[in-house]
Amino acid sequence: MHLGSVKPEDVAVELYHGRVDPFGQLVEGHSEGMQIEERHENGTYLFRGQIPCLRSGHHGYSVRIIPKHPDMAHKFDTGLILWG
């Protein structure tokens, strides 16, 4: 993932996963944090995460990036989410 001038400490990268309904939409979604696996000098990072497999059936996932800062009361305060 290329973050450019944004520091990886300033974002939360998450796997959002859940059951898929007949329309291909994720329902009953849950998020799992991803960790930095590799850092490159050009602003590119490799993140890695795992999704627990707790139920059978059709499941899907997406990756999302959310701003992160210790002064934020909640991670959705800014309303900014970048979906992968």
C-alpha atoms as a PDB file:
ATOM      1  CA  MET A   1       0.000   0.000   0.000  1.00  0.00           C
ATOM      2  CA  HIS A   2       1.364   3.417  -0.932  1.00  0.00           C
ATOM      3  CA  LEU A   3       0.718   6.011   1.783  1.00  0.00           C
ATOM      4  CA  GLY A   4       2.848   8.772   0.280  1.00  0.00           C
ATOM      5  CA  SER A   5       3.595  11.389   2.924  1.00  0.00           C
ATOM      6  CA  VAL A   6       1.135   9.883   5.443  1.00  0.00           C
ATOM      7  CA  LYS A   7       2.872   8.014   8.250  1.00  0.00           C
ATOM      8  CA  PRO A   8       1.624   4.465   8.898  1.00  0.00           C
ATOM      9  CA  GLU A   9       1.226   5.394  12.582  1.00  0.00           C
ATOM     10  CA  ASP A  10      -1.464   7.909  11.532  1.00  0.00           C
ATOM     11  CA  VAL A  11      -3.801   5.309  10.020  1.00  0.00           C
ATOM     12  CA  ALA A  12      -5.479   2.072  11.055  1.00  0.00           C
ATOM     13  CA  VAL A  13      -5.521  -0.566   8.311  1.00  0.00           C
ATOM     14  CA  GLU A  14      -8.230  -3.164   8.903  1.00  0.00           C
ATOM     15  CA  LEU A  15      -9.688  -6.269   7.276  1.00  0.00           C
ATOM     16  CA  TYR A  16     -13.466  -5.899   7.332  1.00  0.00           C
ATOM     17  CA  HIS A  17     -15.117  -9.301   6.957  1.00  0.00           C
ATOM     18  CA  GLY A  18     -18.423 -11.037   7.385  1.00  0.00           C
ATOM     19  CA  ARG A  19     -21.144 -13.163   5.914  1.00  0.00           C
ATOM     20  CA  VAL A  20     -22.214 -12.290   2.348  1.00  0.00           C
ATOM     21  CA  ASP A  21     -25.929 -11.894   1.584  1.00  0.00           C
ATOM     22  CA  PRO A  22     -27.567 -12.938  -1.735  1.00  0.00           C
ATOM     23  CA  PHE A  23     -26.753  -9.483  -3.166  1.00  0.00           C
ATOM     24  CA  GLY A  24     -23.009  -9.821  -2.464  1.00  0.00           C
ATOM     25  CA  GLN A  25     -23.056  -7.363   0.449  1.00  0.00           C
ATOM     26  CA  LEU A  26     -21.197  -7.970   3.702  1.00  0.00           C
ATOM     27  CA  VAL A  27     -23.550  -8.395   6.660  1.00  0.00           C
ATOM     28  CA  GLU A  28     -22.735  -8.872  10.325  1.00  0.00           C
ATOM     29  CA  GLY A  29     -19.317  -7.337   9.597  1.00  0.00           C
ATOM     30  CA  HIS A  30     -16.352  -7.353  11.939  1.00  0.00           C
ATOM     31  CA  SER A  31     -12.957  -5.691  11.666  1.00  0.00           C
ATOM     32  CA  GLU A  32      -9.528  -7.104  12.414  1.00  0.00           C
ATOM     33  CA  GLY A  33      -6.485  -4.845  12.620  1.00  0.00           C
ATOM     34  CA  MET A  34      -3.585  -5.377  10.253  1.00  0.00           C
ATOM     35  CA  GLN A  35       0.072  -4.883  11.177  1.00  0.00           C
ATOM     36  CA  ILE A  36       2.967  -3.500   9.152  1.00  0.00           C
ATOM     37  CA  GLU A  37       5.024  -6.353   7.749  1.00  0.00           C
ATOM     38  CA  GLU A  38       7.471  -4.365   5.578  1.00  0.00           C
ATOM     39  CA  ARG A  39       8.446  -0.696   5.167  1.00  0.00           C
ATOM     40  CA  HIS A  40       9.969   0.708   1.991  1.00  0.00           C
ATOM     41  CA  GLU A  41      11.643   4.092   1.539  1.00  0.00           C
ATOM     42  CA  ASN A  42       9.252   5.229  -1.223  1.00  0.00           C
ATOM     43  CA  GLY A  43       6.226   5.404   1.127  1.00  0.00           C
ATOM     44  CA  THR A  44       5.034   1.881   0.337  1.00  0.00           C
ATOM     45  CA  TYR A  45       4.101  -0.544   3.130  1.00  0.00           C
ATOM     46  CA  LEU A  46       3.025  -4.170   3.300  1.00  0.00           C
ATOM     47  CA  PHE A  47       0.347  -4.876   5.920  1.00  0.00           C
ATOM     48  CA  ARG A  48      -0.615  -8.355   7.079  1.00  0.00           C
ATOM     49  CA  GLY A  49      -3.663  -9.617   8.951  1.00  0.00           C
ATOM     50  CA  GLN A  50      -5.723 -12.724   9.608  1.00  0.00           C
ATOM     51  CA  ILE A  51      -9.441 -13.419   9.576  1.00  0.00           C
ATOM     52  CA  PRO A  52     -10.746 -16.029  12.020  1.00  0.00           C
ATOM     53  CA  CYS A  53     -12.858 -18.744  10.394  1.00  0.00           C
ATOM     54  CA  LEU A  54     -15.647 -19.370  12.909  1.00  0.00           C
ATOM     55  CA  ARG A  55     -18.631 -20.326  10.695  1.00  0.00           C
ATOM     56  CA  SER A  56     -19.271 -22.019   7.372  1.00  0.00           C
ATOM     57  CA  GLY A  57     -21.054 -20.377   4.445  1.00  0.00           C
ATOM     58  CA  HIS A  58     -20.367 -17.537   2.022  1.00  0.00           C
ATOM     59  CA  HIS A  59     -17.996 -14.936   3.454  1.00  0.00           C
ATOM     60  CA  GLY A  60     -16.249 -11.917   2.031  1.00  0.00           C
ATOM     61  CA  TYR A  61     -13.812  -9.248   3.054  1.00  0.00           C
ATOM     62  CA  SER A  62     -12.526  -5.814   2.184  1.00  0.00           C
ATOM     63  CA  VAL A  63      -9.657  -3.669   3.409  1.00  0.00           C
ATOM     64  CA  ARG A  64     -10.248  -0.218   4.872  1.00  0.00           C
ATOM     65  CA  ILE A  65      -7.973   2.589   6.017  1.00  0.00           C
ATOM     66  CA  ILE A  66      -9.126   4.928   8.788  1.00  0.00           C
ATOM     67  CA  PRO A  67      -7.332   7.949  10.301  1.00  0.00           C
ATOM     68  CA  LYS A  68      -5.809   7.234  13.725  1.00  0.00           C
ATOM     69  CA  HIS A  69      -4.685   9.726  16.371  1.00  0.00           C
ATOM     70  CA  PRO A  70      -4.574   9.517  20.188  1.00  0.00           C
ATOM     71  CA  ASP A  71      -6.701  12.688  20.498  1.00  0.00           C
ATOM     72  CA  MET A  72      -9.613  11.194  18.526  1.00  0.00           C
ATOM     73  CA  ALA A  73     -12.497  10.071  20.757  1.00  0.00           C
ATOM     74  CA  HIS A  74     -13.639   7.453  18.210  1.00  0.00           C
ATOM     75  CA  LYS A  75     -12.062   6.132  15.014  1.00  0.00           C
ATOM     76  CA  PHE A  76     -15.077   7.192  12.932  1.00  0.00           C
ATOM     77  CA  ASP A  77     -15.065  10.850  14.167  1.00  0.00           C
ATOM     78  CA  THR A  78     -13.640  12.225  10.924  1.00  0.00           C
ATOM     79  CA  GLY A  79     -16.005  10.292   8.668  1.00  0.00           C
ATOM     80  CA  LEU A  80     -13.026   9.399   6.465  1.00  0.00           C
ATOM     81  CA  ILE A  81     -12.702   5.793   5.334  1.00  0.00           C
ATOM     82  CA  LEU A  82     -10.826   4.576   2.275  1.00  0.00           C
ATOM     83  CA  TRP A  83     -12.079   1.170   1.110  1.00  0.00           C
ATOM     84  CA  GLY A  84      -9.852  -1.189  -0.892  1.00  0.00           C
END
